[in-house]
């Protein structure tokens, strides 16, 4: 047996792996752009689904992870600003219902308080009589 070893030719494998990596990168970029253009929620789930990649892939790629987290934070801030600008739009009828419910609860608590005070007076009277 001769001592000659063959040099492995991995150029094709490396080229194919790089091509797949670039395609995956491009799909993620396009998915983020499409989600933003369509005013949809941008998070790891939506990007992974739209790009056809795993969430693990997105989390392991610092560029995508930082970008998605920044976009997600922007959406949260936008939501807070919108809610501050447009407080809950309760109608007068809804507000009246809330007020009625609170008034009923106040009456229940006042009645309970009155009964407890009466029970306390009775208990104190019995204790005084024992002395």
N, C-alpha and C. Protein backbone atom coordinates (compact mmCIF):
# COMPACT_ATOMS: atom_id res chain seq x y z
N UNK A 1 0.83 -1.17 0.00
CA UNK A 1 0.00 0.00 0.00
C UNK A 1 0.88 1.24 0.00
N UNK A 2 0.56 2.17 -0.82
CA UNK A 2 1.38 3.38 -0.88
C UNK A 2 0.95 4.35 0.21
N UNK A 3 1.83 5.20 0.63
CA UNK A 3 1.59 6.15 1.71
C UNK A 3 0.96 7.44 1.22
N UNK A 4 0.50 7.46 -0.01
CA UNK A 4 -0.06 8.69 -0.56
C UNK A 4 -1.49 8.90 -0.06
N UNK A 5 -1.80 10.10 0.41
CA UNK A 5 -3.17 10.43 0.82
C UNK A 5 -3.73 11.44 -0.16
N UNK A 6 -5.00 11.35 -0.34
CA UNK A 6 -5.66 12.25 -1.28
C UNK A 6 -6.12 13.51 -0.59
N UNK A 7 -5.94 14.59 -1.27
CA UNK A 7 -6.41 15.87 -0.73
C UNK A 7 -7.89 16.00 -1.05
N UNK A 8 -8.68 16.30 -0.05
CA UNK A 8 -10.12 16.41 -0.25
C UNK A 8 -10.45 17.69 -1.00
N UNK A 9 -11.39 17.57 -1.90
CA UNK A 9 -11.83 18.71 -2.69
C UNK A 9 -13.18 19.18 -2.12
N UNK A 10 -13.14 20.19 -1.26
CA UNK A 10 -14.36 20.69 -0.62
C UNK A 10 -14.79 22.05 -1.16
N UNK A 11 -14.18 22.46 -2.25
CA UNK A 11 -14.48 23.77 -2.81
C UNK A 11 -15.96 23.87 -3.18
N UNK A 12 -16.49 22.84 -3.79
CA UNK A 12 -17.90 22.84 -4.19
C UNK A 12 -18.83 22.90 -2.99
N UNK A 13 -18.52 22.15 -1.93
CA UNK A 13 -19.34 22.16 -0.73
C UNK A 13 -19.35 23.53 -0.06
N UNK A 14 -18.17 24.12 0.02
CA UNK A 14 -18.06 25.44 0.64
C UNK A 14 -18.81 26.48 -0.18
N UNK A 15 -18.70 26.41 -1.49
CA UNK A 15 -19.40 27.37 -2.35
C UNK A 15 -20.91 27.22 -2.20
N UNK A 16 -21.38 25.98 -2.15
CA UNK A 16 -22.82 25.75 -1.99
C UNK A 16 -23.31 26.24 -0.63
N UNK A 17 -22.55 26.01 0.42
CA UNK A 17 -22.92 26.48 1.76
C UNK A 17 -22.99 28.00 1.80
N UNK A 18 -22.04 28.65 1.16
CA UNK A 18 -22.05 30.12 1.11
C UNK A 18 -23.25 30.63 0.33
N UNK A 19 -23.60 29.96 -0.75
CA UNK A 19 -24.75 30.35 -1.57
C UNK A 19 -26.04 30.22 -0.74
N UNK A 20 -26.18 29.11 -0.02
CA UNK A 20 -27.38 28.92 0.83
C UNK A 20 -27.44 29.98 1.92
N UNK A 21 -26.30 30.31 2.49
CA UNK A 21 -26.24 31.33 3.54
C UNK A 21 -26.69 32.68 3.00
N UNK A 22 -26.21 33.05 1.81
CA UNK A 22 -26.60 34.32 1.20
C UNK A 22 -28.08 34.35 0.87
N UNK A 23 -28.62 33.22 0.37
CA UNK A 23 -30.04 33.16 0.04
C UNK A 23 -30.90 33.31 1.29
N UNK A 24 -30.50 32.66 2.35
CA UNK A 24 -31.24 32.75 3.61
C UNK A 24 -31.19 34.18 4.14
N UNK A 25 -30.03 34.79 4.06
CA UNK A 25 -29.86 36.18 4.48
C UNK A 25 -30.80 37.09 3.68
N UNK A 26 -30.84 36.86 2.38
CA UNK A 26 -31.68 37.68 1.49
C UNK A 26 -33.16 37.48 1.82
N UNK A 27 -33.58 36.24 2.10
CA UNK A 27 -34.98 35.97 2.43
C UNK A 27 -35.39 36.69 3.71
N UNK A 28 -34.49 36.71 4.69
CA UNK A 28 -34.81 37.39 5.95
C UNK A 28 -34.93 38.89 5.72
N UNK A 29 -34.02 39.46 4.98
CA UNK A 29 -34.07 40.89 4.68
C UNK A 29 -35.37 41.24 3.96
N UNK A 30 -35.73 40.44 2.98
CA UNK A 30 -36.97 40.69 2.23
C UNK A 30 -38.20 40.54 3.12
N UNK A 31 -38.18 39.57 4.02
CA UNK A 31 -39.31 39.36 4.91
C UNK A 31 -39.49 40.56 5.84
N UNK A 32 -38.41 41.07 6.39
CA UNK A 32 -38.50 42.24 7.27
C UNK A 32 -39.03 43.43 6.49
N UNK A 33 -38.52 43.64 5.30
CA UNK A 33 -38.98 44.76 4.47
C UNK A 33 -40.46 44.63 4.15
N UNK A 34 -40.90 43.42 3.80
CA UNK A 34 -42.30 43.18 3.44
C UNK A 34 -43.21 43.42 4.66
N UNK A 35 -42.80 42.93 5.83
CA UNK A 35 -43.60 43.13 7.03
C UNK A 35 -43.73 44.61 7.37
N UNK A 36 -42.65 45.35 7.23
CA UNK A 36 -42.70 46.79 7.50
C UNK A 36 -43.58 47.50 6.48
N UNK A 37 -43.44 47.13 5.23
CA UNK A 37 -44.23 47.77 4.16
C UNK A 37 -45.72 47.52 4.37
N UNK A 38 -46.08 46.31 4.81
CA UNK A 38 -47.48 45.94 5.00
C UNK A 38 -48.01 46.32 6.38
N UNK A 39 -47.19 47.03 7.15
CA UNK A 39 -47.56 47.48 8.50
C UNK A 39 -48.00 46.31 9.37
N UNK A 40 -47.24 45.24 9.32
CA UNK A 40 -47.51 44.07 10.16
C UNK A 40 -46.51 44.06 11.31
N UNK A 41 -46.82 43.25 12.30
CA UNK A 41 -45.97 43.14 13.49
C UNK A 41 -44.65 42.49 13.09
N UNK A 42 -43.56 43.10 13.56
CA UNK A 42 -42.23 42.54 13.30
C UNK A 42 -41.70 41.97 14.61
N UNK A 43 -41.65 40.65 14.67
CA UNK A 43 -41.05 39.97 15.80
C UNK A 43 -40.38 38.70 15.28
N UNK A 44 -39.77 37.95 16.16
CA UNK A 44 -39.02 36.78 15.71
C UNK A 44 -39.93 35.75 15.04
N UNK A 45 -41.13 35.57 15.58
CA UNK A 45 -42.06 34.61 14.99
C UNK A 45 -42.49 35.02 13.58
N UNK A 46 -42.90 36.27 13.43
CA UNK A 46 -43.40 36.71 12.12
C UNK A 46 -42.29 36.71 11.07
N UNK A 47 -41.10 37.13 11.44
CA UNK A 47 -39.98 37.14 10.49
C UNK A 47 -39.59 35.71 10.11
N UNK A 48 -39.52 34.83 11.09
CA UNK A 48 -39.16 33.44 10.81
C UNK A 48 -40.16 32.80 9.88
N UNK A 49 -41.44 33.03 10.12
CA UNK A 49 -42.48 32.46 9.27
C UNK A 49 -42.42 33.05 7.87
N UNK A 50 -42.29 34.36 7.77
CA UNK A 50 -42.28 35.01 6.46
C UNK A 50 -41.05 34.64 5.64
N UNK A 51 -39.93 34.42 6.30
CA UNK A 51 -38.68 34.13 5.58
C UNK A 51 -38.45 32.64 5.39
N UNK A 52 -39.21 31.82 6.10
CA UNK A 52 -39.01 30.38 5.99
C UNK A 52 -37.73 29.91 6.66
N UNK A 53 -37.40 30.55 7.78
CA UNK A 53 -36.22 30.16 8.56
C UNK A 53 -36.67 29.87 9.98
N UNK A 54 -35.78 29.33 10.77
CA UNK A 54 -36.12 29.04 12.17
C UNK A 54 -35.86 30.27 13.04
N UNK A 55 -36.57 30.31 14.16
CA UNK A 55 -36.33 31.40 15.11
C UNK A 55 -34.92 31.29 15.67
N UNK A 56 -34.43 30.08 15.82
CA UNK A 56 -33.08 29.87 16.33
C UNK A 56 -32.07 30.56 15.43
N UNK A 57 -32.27 30.44 14.13
CA UNK A 57 -31.37 31.10 13.18
C UNK A 57 -31.36 32.60 13.42
N UNK A 58 -32.54 33.18 13.59
CA UNK A 58 -32.63 34.64 13.79
C UNK A 58 -31.95 35.05 15.10
N UNK A 59 -32.13 34.25 16.14
CA UNK A 59 -31.52 34.58 17.43
C UNK A 59 -30.00 34.45 17.37
N UNK A 60 -29.48 33.55 16.53
CA UNK A 60 -28.03 33.35 16.49
C UNK A 60 -27.32 34.32 15.56
N UNK A 61 -28.07 35.08 14.78
CA UNK A 61 -27.47 36.06 13.88
C UNK A 61 -27.56 37.44 14.53
N UNK A 62 -26.46 37.95 15.05
CA UNK A 62 -26.50 39.22 15.80
C UNK A 62 -27.10 40.38 15.00
N UNK A 63 -26.83 40.43 13.71
CA UNK A 63 -27.36 41.52 12.89
C UNK A 63 -28.89 41.50 12.87
N UNK A 64 -29.45 40.32 12.61
CA UNK A 64 -30.91 40.20 12.56
C UNK A 64 -31.53 40.35 13.94
N UNK A 65 -30.88 39.78 14.92
CA UNK A 65 -31.42 39.85 16.28
C UNK A 65 -31.53 41.30 16.74
N UNK A 66 -30.47 42.06 16.57
CA UNK A 66 -30.48 43.47 16.97
C UNK A 66 -31.53 44.26 16.20
N UNK A 67 -31.63 43.99 14.91
CA UNK A 67 -32.59 44.73 14.08
C UNK A 67 -34.03 44.41 14.48
N UNK A 68 -34.34 43.16 14.68
CA UNK A 68 -35.70 42.77 15.06
C UNK A 68 -36.05 43.33 16.44
N UNK A 69 -35.11 43.25 17.37
CA UNK A 69 -35.37 43.79 18.71
C UNK A 69 -35.59 45.30 18.65
N UNK A 70 -34.83 46.00 17.83
CA UNK A 70 -35.01 47.45 17.70
C UNK A 70 -36.37 47.77 17.07
N UNK A 71 -36.75 47.04 16.04
CA UNK A 71 -38.05 47.27 15.41
C UNK A 71 -39.19 46.95 16.38
N UNK A 72 -39.03 45.91 17.14
CA UNK A 72 -40.05 45.55 18.13
C UNK A 72 -40.18 46.65 19.18
N UNK A 73 -39.06 47.20 19.61
CA UNK A 73 -39.09 48.29 20.59
C UNK A 73 -39.76 49.53 20.01
N UNK A 74 -39.48 49.83 18.74
CA UNK A 74 -40.12 50.98 18.09
C UNK A 74 -41.64 50.80 18.05
N UNK A 75 -42.09 49.58 17.76
CA UNK A 75 -43.53 49.32 17.72
C UNK A 75 -44.15 49.51 19.09
N UNK A 76 -43.46 49.05 20.14
CA UNK A 76 -43.98 49.24 21.50
C UNK A 76 -44.11 50.72 21.82
N UNK A 77 -43.08 51.49 21.50
CA UNK A 77 -43.10 52.93 21.77
C UNK A 77 -44.21 53.61 20.98
N UNK A 78 -44.41 53.19 19.74
CA UNK A 78 -45.47 53.76 18.91
C UNK A 78 -46.84 53.45 19.52
N UNK A 79 -47.02 52.24 20.01
CA UNK A 79 -48.28 51.85 20.63
C UNK A 79 -48.55 52.69 21.87
N UNK A 80 -47.51 52.92 22.67
CA UNK A 80 -47.66 53.73 23.88
C UNK A 80 -48.04 55.15 23.50
N UNK A 81 -47.38 55.71 22.48
CA UNK A 81 -47.70 57.07 22.05
C UNK A 81 -49.14 57.16 21.55
N UNK A 82 -49.59 56.17 20.79
CA UNK A 82 -50.96 56.19 20.28
C UNK A 82 -51.97 56.10 21.42
N UNK A 83 -51.69 55.25 22.40
CA UNK A 83 -52.61 55.12 23.52
C UNK A 83 -52.65 56.40 24.35
N UNK A 84 -51.51 57.07 24.46
CA UNK A 84 -51.48 58.33 25.21
C UNK A 84 -52.24 59.41 24.48
N UNK A 85 -52.14 59.42 23.16
CA UNK A 85 -52.82 60.43 22.37
C UNK A 85 -54.32 60.18 22.30
N UNK A 86 -54.71 58.91 22.33
CA UNK A 86 -56.13 58.55 22.24
C UNK A 86 -56.48 57.67 23.44
N UNK A 87 -56.83 58.31 24.56
CA UNK A 87 -57.16 57.52 25.73
C UNK A 87 -58.35 56.61 25.44
N UNK A 88 -58.55 55.64 26.33
CA UNK A 88 -59.60 54.67 26.10
C UNK A 88 -60.89 55.37 25.74
N UNK A 89 -61.45 54.97 24.67
CA UNK A 89 -62.64 55.62 24.14
C UNK A 89 -63.92 55.07 24.74
N UNK A 90 -64.03 55.07 26.07
CA UNK A 90 -65.25 54.60 26.70
C UNK A 90 -66.37 55.58 26.42
N UNK A 91 -67.50 55.03 26.08
CA UNK A 91 -68.66 55.88 25.84
C UNK A 91 -69.26 56.30 27.18
N UNK A 92 -70.14 57.26 27.12
CA UNK A 92 -70.80 57.71 28.35
C UNK A 92 -71.59 56.58 28.98
N UNK A 93 -72.21 55.73 28.16
CA UNK A 93 -72.98 54.61 28.69
C UNK A 93 -72.07 53.65 29.44
N UNK A 94 -70.88 53.38 28.89
CA UNK A 94 -69.95 52.47 29.55
C UNK A 94 -69.47 53.09 30.87
N UNK A 95 -69.22 54.37 30.85
CA UNK A 95 -68.79 55.05 32.08
C UNK A 95 -69.89 55.01 33.12
N UNK A 96 -71.15 55.20 32.68
CA UNK A 96 -72.27 55.14 33.61
C UNK A 96 -72.39 53.76 34.25
N UNK A 97 -72.17 52.72 33.46
CA UNK A 97 -72.22 51.36 34.00
C UNK A 97 -71.15 51.14 35.06
N UNK A 98 -69.96 51.64 34.79
CA UNK A 98 -68.87 51.50 35.76
C UNK A 98 -69.22 52.24 37.04
N UNK A 99 -69.77 53.43 36.91
CA UNK A 99 -70.14 54.23 38.09
C UNK A 99 -71.22 53.51 38.89
N UNK A 100 -72.23 52.98 38.20
CA UNK A 100 -73.30 52.26 38.91
C UNK A 100 -72.76 51.04 39.65
N UNK A 101 -71.87 50.31 39.00
CA UNK A 101 -71.28 49.12 39.64
C UNK A 101 -70.49 49.52 40.88
N UNK A 102 -69.76 50.61 40.79
CA UNK A 102 -68.97 51.06 41.94
C UNK A 102 -69.87 51.57 43.06
N UNK A 103 -70.95 52.26 42.71
CA UNK A 103 -71.88 52.74 43.73
C UNK A 103 -72.54 51.56 44.44
N UNK A 104 -72.91 50.52 43.68
CA UNK A 104 -73.50 49.34 44.29
C UNK A 104 -72.51 48.68 45.25
N UNK A 105 -71.27 48.59 44.83
CA UNK A 105 -70.24 47.97 45.68
C UNK A 105 -70.02 48.79 46.95
N UNK A 106 -70.07 50.10 46.84
CA UNK A 106 -69.91 50.97 48.00
C UNK A 106 -71.04 50.73 48.99
N UNK A 107 -72.28 50.62 48.48
CA UNK A 107 -73.42 50.37 49.35
C UNK A 107 -73.28 49.02 50.06
N UNK A 108 -72.82 48.00 49.34
CA UNK A 108 -72.62 46.69 49.95
C UNK A 108 -71.59 46.77 51.07
N UNK A 109 -70.50 47.47 50.82
CA UNK A 109 -69.45 47.59 51.83
C UNK A 109 -69.92 48.41 53.03
N UNK A 110 -70.72 49.44 52.79
CA UNK A 110 -71.25 50.24 53.90
C UNK A 110 -72.18 49.40 54.76
N UNK A 111 -73.02 48.57 54.12
CA UNK A 111 -73.92 47.69 54.87
C UNK A 111 -73.13 46.67 55.69
N UNK A 112 -72.10 46.09 55.08
CA UNK A 112 -71.25 45.13 55.79
C UNK A 112 -70.57 45.81 56.97
N UNK A 113 -70.10 47.03 56.77
CA UNK A 113 -69.45 47.79 57.83
C UNK A 113 -70.42 48.06 58.98
N UNK A 114 -71.68 48.40 58.65
CA UNK A 114 -72.69 48.65 59.66
C UNK A 114 -72.96 47.40 60.48
N UNK A 115 -73.08 46.25 59.80
CA UNK A 115 -73.33 44.98 60.50
C UNK A 115 -72.16 44.62 61.41
N UNK A 116 -70.96 44.80 60.94
CA UNK A 116 -69.78 44.49 61.75
C UNK A 116 -69.69 45.38 62.98
N UNK A 117 -70.05 46.65 62.84
CA UNK A 117 -70.05 47.56 63.99
C UNK A 117 -71.09 47.10 65.01
N UNK A 118 -72.25 46.65 64.52
CA UNK A 118 -73.30 46.17 65.43
C UNK A 118 -72.83 44.93 66.17
N UNK A 119 -72.17 44.00 65.43
CA UNK A 119 -71.65 42.79 66.07
C UNK A 119 -70.59 43.12 67.11
N UNK A 120 -69.77 44.11 66.80
CA UNK A 120 -68.73 44.52 67.74
C UNK A 120 -69.35 45.09 69.01
N UNK A 121 -70.41 45.91 68.89
CA UNK A 121 -71.10 46.48 70.06
C UNK A 121 -71.68 45.37 70.92
N UNK A 122 -72.29 44.37 70.25
CA UNK A 122 -72.88 43.25 70.97
C UNK A 122 -71.81 42.47 71.71
N UNK A 123 -70.70 42.19 71.05
CA UNK A 123 -69.62 41.43 71.68
C UNK A 123 -69.02 42.21 72.84
N UNK A 124 -68.85 43.52 72.71
CA UNK A 124 -68.30 44.34 73.79
C UNK A 124 -69.27 44.37 74.98
N UNK A 125 -70.58 44.44 74.67
CA UNK A 125 -71.58 44.43 75.75
C UNK A 125 -71.53 43.14 76.53
N UNK A 126 -71.43 42.01 75.83
CA UNK A 126 -71.37 40.71 76.50
C UNK A 126 -70.10 40.60 77.34
N UNK A 127 -69.01 41.10 76.82
CA UNK A 127 -67.75 41.06 77.56
C UNK A 127 -67.85 41.94 78.81
N UNK A 128 -68.49 43.10 78.68
CA UNK A 128 -68.64 44.00 79.83
C UNK A 128 -69.50 43.37 80.91
N UNK A 129 -70.57 42.66 80.47
CA UNK A 129 -71.46 42.01 81.43
C UNK A 129 -70.73 40.91 82.21
N UNK A 130 -69.78 40.23 81.62
CA UNK A 130 -69.03 39.16 82.28
C UNK A 130 -68.11 39.70 83.37
N UNK A 131 -67.72 40.94 83.27
CA UNK A 131 -66.80 41.52 84.26
C UNK A 131 -67.52 41.80 85.49
